[in-house]
Amino acid sequence: METLGIFRDVESAANAVDGLVRAGFTEAQITSLTSVPYPDGVLVRTEQRSWFRWLALAGGLAGAVAGFGLAAGTAWLYPVQTGDKPIIALYPTAIICFEVAMLCAIIGTMTGMFLEMGLPSLGKRPYDPAIAEGCIGICLSIHAGGETVHCKPGEEPGECIGEISFLPAAEQKVRAIEIMRTAGVLRVIGEETP
């Protein structure tokens, strides 16, 4: 279950996040939705590891290998003897290698971009058009009481899911809405995920 609170400014959204964390929710359960790219930690510390640059690098390297294989392999399979010149010429092979490397780096970058943004979205998530107009959304994932939650390796259960998770989901939602109202929420949108 997810609850989305819409806030007018950064201060009220930050107060809501602080209140939710003090109440026992973890920052892993809280995400911010904004039309402005705030630095990490202004609202919520995500500490997510980004694979974006590594996908672009892997695409470029794979493209360089594929480009070399294409140019050198074609010259090797269909040799054209031109005097004492080598069958695999350095400059034409380098040009093809560079072009295919850039093509694959662009494809890797686009793939990384879609993965970072979570597109395509497989589930329905709460959203409000006011976020595109400058408001800030604070989305809280509420886990049902007693639900099994898989933490990351090396992470304690108290870090990936808060103490409040032992309460029933309806009571967690009521407390979250109270905290958001205290912080100055404009409206709260609650929606169950499938």
Protein backbone atom coordinates (compact mmCIF):
# COMPACT_ATOMS: atom_id res chain seq x y z
CA MET A 1 0.00 0.00 0.00
CA GLU A 2 1.34 3.45 -0.85
CA THR A 3 0.32 6.85 0.45
CA LEU A 4 1.26 10.05 -1.39
CA GLY A 5 1.26 13.43 0.30
CA ILE A 6 1.43 16.61 -1.81
CA PHE A 7 3.37 19.52 -0.28
CA ARG A 8 3.73 23.10 -1.46
CA ASP A 9 7.39 23.66 -0.45
CA VAL A 10 10.59 21.87 0.52
CA GLU A 11 10.40 22.81 4.20
CA SER A 12 7.01 21.22 4.81
CA ALA A 13 8.02 18.11 2.82
CA ALA A 14 11.24 17.81 4.84
CA ASN A 15 9.25 18.19 8.08
CA ALA A 16 6.96 15.37 6.95
CA VAL A 17 9.93 13.11 6.16
CA ASP A 18 11.51 13.87 9.55
CA GLY A 19 8.22 13.15 11.31
CA LEU A 20 7.76 9.87 9.45
CA VAL A 21 11.30 8.74 10.31
CA ARG A 22 10.81 9.70 13.98
CA ALA A 23 7.55 7.73 14.01
CA GLY A 24 9.40 4.55 13.02
CA PHE A 25 9.25 4.47 9.24
CA THR A 26 12.58 4.03 7.48
CA GLU A 27 13.95 6.20 4.69
CA ALA A 28 13.89 3.11 2.47
CA GLN A 29 10.08 3.27 2.64
CA ILE A 30 9.96 6.98 1.71
CA THR A 31 10.50 8.39 -1.77
CA SER A 32 10.17 11.94 -3.06
CA LEU A 33 8.54 12.94 -6.33
CA THR A 34 9.50 16.37 -7.64
CA SER A 35 9.72 18.22 -10.91
CA VAL A 36 12.97 19.81 -9.68
CA PRO A 37 16.12 17.66 -9.35
CA TYR A 38 17.02 18.19 -5.69
CA PRO A 39 20.35 16.74 -4.53
CA ASP A 40 20.30 13.46 -2.64
CA GLY A 41 19.65 14.07 1.04
CA VAL A 42 17.60 17.26 0.73
CA LEU A 43 14.38 15.33 1.26
CA VAL A 44 15.28 11.64 1.42
CA ARG A 45 18.65 9.92 1.44
CA THR A 46 18.40 7.13 -1.10
CA GLU A 47 22.01 5.91 -1.17
CA GLN A 48 21.15 3.88 -4.23
CA ARG A 49 23.98 2.65 -6.33
CA SER A 50 23.67 3.90 -9.87
CA TRP A 51 24.45 1.55 -12.73
CA PHE A 52 23.90 4.29 -15.30
CA ARG A 53 27.53 5.06 -16.14
CA TRP A 54 28.54 1.40 -16.01
CA LEU A 55 25.90 0.47 -18.59
CA ALA A 56 27.13 3.25 -20.88
CA LEU A 57 30.74 2.08 -20.45
CA ALA A 58 29.82 -1.56 -21.03
CA GLY A 59 27.89 -0.58 -24.16
CA GLY A 60 30.86 1.38 -25.46
CA LEU A 61 33.32 -1.43 -24.81
CA ALA A 62 31.03 -4.05 -26.33
CA GLY A 63 30.56 -1.77 -29.33
CA ALA A 64 34.31 -1.33 -29.74
CA VAL A 65 34.80 -5.10 -29.74
CA ALA A 66 31.88 -5.59 -32.12
CA GLY A 67 33.14 -2.82 -34.43
CA PHE A 68 36.63 -4.30 -34.52
CA GLY A 69 35.16 -7.73 -35.20
CA LEU A 70 32.98 -6.34 -37.97
CA ALA A 71 35.74 -4.41 -39.75
CA ALA A 72 38.63 -6.82 -39.17
CA GLY A 73 36.48 -9.91 -39.65
CA THR A 74 35.12 -8.65 -42.95
CA ALA A 75 38.61 -7.81 -44.19
CA TRP A 76 39.89 -11.19 -43.05
CA LEU A 77 37.04 -13.18 -44.61
CA TYR A 78 37.11 -11.28 -47.92
CA PRO A 79 40.78 -10.32 -48.40
CA VAL A 80 41.62 -7.77 -51.06
CA GLN A 81 45.31 -7.81 -51.87
CA THR A 82 46.61 -4.31 -52.63
CA GLY A 83 50.35 -4.63 -53.04
CA ASP A 84 52.30 -4.83 -49.79
CA LYS A 85 49.57 -3.21 -47.67
CA PRO A 86 48.09 -5.23 -44.77
CA ILE A 87 44.73 -6.92 -45.26
CA ILE A 88 43.38 -5.37 -42.06
CA ALA A 89 44.04 -1.62 -42.41
CA LEU A 90 44.40 0.36 -39.19
CA TYR A 91 42.51 3.60 -39.98
CA PRO A 92 39.38 2.16 -41.64
CA THR A 93 39.12 -0.45 -38.88
CA ALA A 94 39.49 2.27 -36.20
CA ILE A 95 36.75 4.37 -37.81
CA ILE A 96 34.28 1.46 -37.86
CA CYS A 97 35.32 0.49 -34.32
CA PHE A 98 34.68 4.05 -33.08
CA GLU A 99 31.31 4.40 -34.82
CA VAL A 100 29.94 1.10 -33.49
CA ALA A 101 31.34 1.87 -30.02
CA MET A 102 29.48 5.20 -29.95
CA LEU A 103 26.27 3.58 -31.21
CA CYS A 104 26.40 0.92 -28.50
CA ALA A 105 27.36 3.50 -25.84
CA ILE A 106 24.24 5.49 -26.77
CA ILE A 107 22.11 2.35 -26.56
CA GLY A 108 23.67 1.55 -23.14
CA THR A 109 23.00 5.10 -21.97
CA MET A 110 19.35 4.94 -23.05
CA THR A 111 18.93 1.55 -21.36
CA GLY A 112 20.49 2.89 -18.16
CA MET A 113 18.26 5.95 -18.27
CA PHE A 114 15.10 3.87 -18.53
CA LEU A 115 16.26 1.55 -15.74
CA GLU A 116 17.12 4.52 -13.46
CA MET A 117 13.68 6.04 -14.02
CA GLY A 118 11.94 2.70 -13.47
CA LEU A 119 10.37 2.68 -16.90
CA PRO A 120 8.27 0.97 -17.98
CA SER A 121 6.37 0.98 -14.73
CA LEU A 122 4.89 -2.45 -14.15
CA GLY A 123 2.59 -1.42 -11.32
CA LYS A 124 0.23 1.46 -10.76
CA ARG A 125 1.68 4.07 -8.43
CA PRO A 126 -0.04 7.09 -6.92
CA TYR A 127 0.60 10.37 -8.71
CA ASP A 128 -0.79 13.89 -8.72
CA PRO A 129 -0.48 16.41 -11.60
CA ALA A 130 0.44 19.11 -9.06
CA ILE A 131 3.93 17.55 -8.89
CA ALA A 132 4.56 18.68 -12.47
CA GLU A 133 3.48 22.20 -11.47
CA GLY A 134 6.14 22.53 -8.74
CA CYS A 135 4.63 20.77 -5.73
CA ILE A 136 6.54 18.03 -3.93
CA GLY A 137 5.20 14.53 -3.41
CA ILE A 138 6.28 12.34 -0.50
CA CYS A 139 5.35 8.72 -1.17
CA LEU A 140 5.34 6.24 1.70
CA SER A 141 5.28 2.47 1.15
CA ILE A 142 3.36 0.88 3.98
CA HIS A 143 4.07 -2.78 4.70
CA ALA A 144 1.38 -4.93 6.24
CA GLY A 145 2.01 -5.89 9.86
CA GLY A 146 3.95 -9.13 10.11
CA GLU A 147 4.83 -9.07 6.40
CA THR A 148 8.12 -10.70 5.46
CA VAL A 149 10.48 -8.10 4.07
CA HIS A 150 13.72 -9.06 2.32
CA CYS A 151 16.56 -6.79 3.37
CA LYS A 152 19.73 -6.24 1.38
CA PRO A 153 22.72 -8.39 2.33
CA GLY A 154 24.48 -7.00 5.39
CA GLU A 155 21.48 -4.87 6.36
CA GLU A 156 19.77 -5.31 9.70
CA PRO A 157 15.97 -5.84 9.64
CA GLY A 158 15.48 -2.64 11.67
CA GLU A 159 17.24 -0.62 8.97
CA CYS A 160 15.20 -1.76 5.97
CA ILE A 161 11.82 -1.77 7.75
CA GLY A 162 10.93 0.30 10.77
CA GLU A 163 9.48 -0.58 14.16
CA ILE A 164 6.11 0.82 13.13
CA SER A 165 5.75 -2.03 10.64
CA PHE A 166 4.53 -4.32 13.41
CA LEU A 167 1.27 -2.35 13.54
CA PRO A 168 -1.57 -3.20 11.15
CA ALA A 169 -1.35 -1.44 7.77
CA ALA A 170 -4.49 0.61 8.39
CA GLU A 171 -3.08 2.01 11.64
CA GLN A 172 0.26 2.78 9.96
CA LYS A 173 -1.61 4.69 7.24
CA VAL A 174 -3.61 6.69 9.80
CA ARG A 175 -0.42 7.66 11.66
CA ALA A 176 1.34 8.59 8.41
CA ILE A 177 -1.57 10.82 7.34
CA GLU A 178 -1.60 12.51 10.77
CA ILE A 179 2.14 13.23 10.50
CA MET A 180 1.73 14.61 6.98
CA ARG A 181 -1.17 16.84 8.06
CA THR A 182 0.91 18.18 10.95
CA ALA A 183 3.68 19.04 8.47
CA GLY A 184 1.24 20.97 6.22
CA VAL A 185 0.19 18.58 3.47
CA LEU A 186 -2.11 19.97 0.76
CA ARG A 187 -3.78 16.62 0.10
CA VAL A 188 -3.12 12.93 0.62
CA ILE A 189 -3.63 10.32 -2.07
CA GLY A 190 -3.70 6.69 -0.92
CA GLU A 191 -3.71 3.82 -3.34
CA GLU A 192 -3.16 0.12 -2.97
CA THR A 193 -0.60 -1.53 -5.19
CA PRO A 194 -1.70 -4.70 -6.99
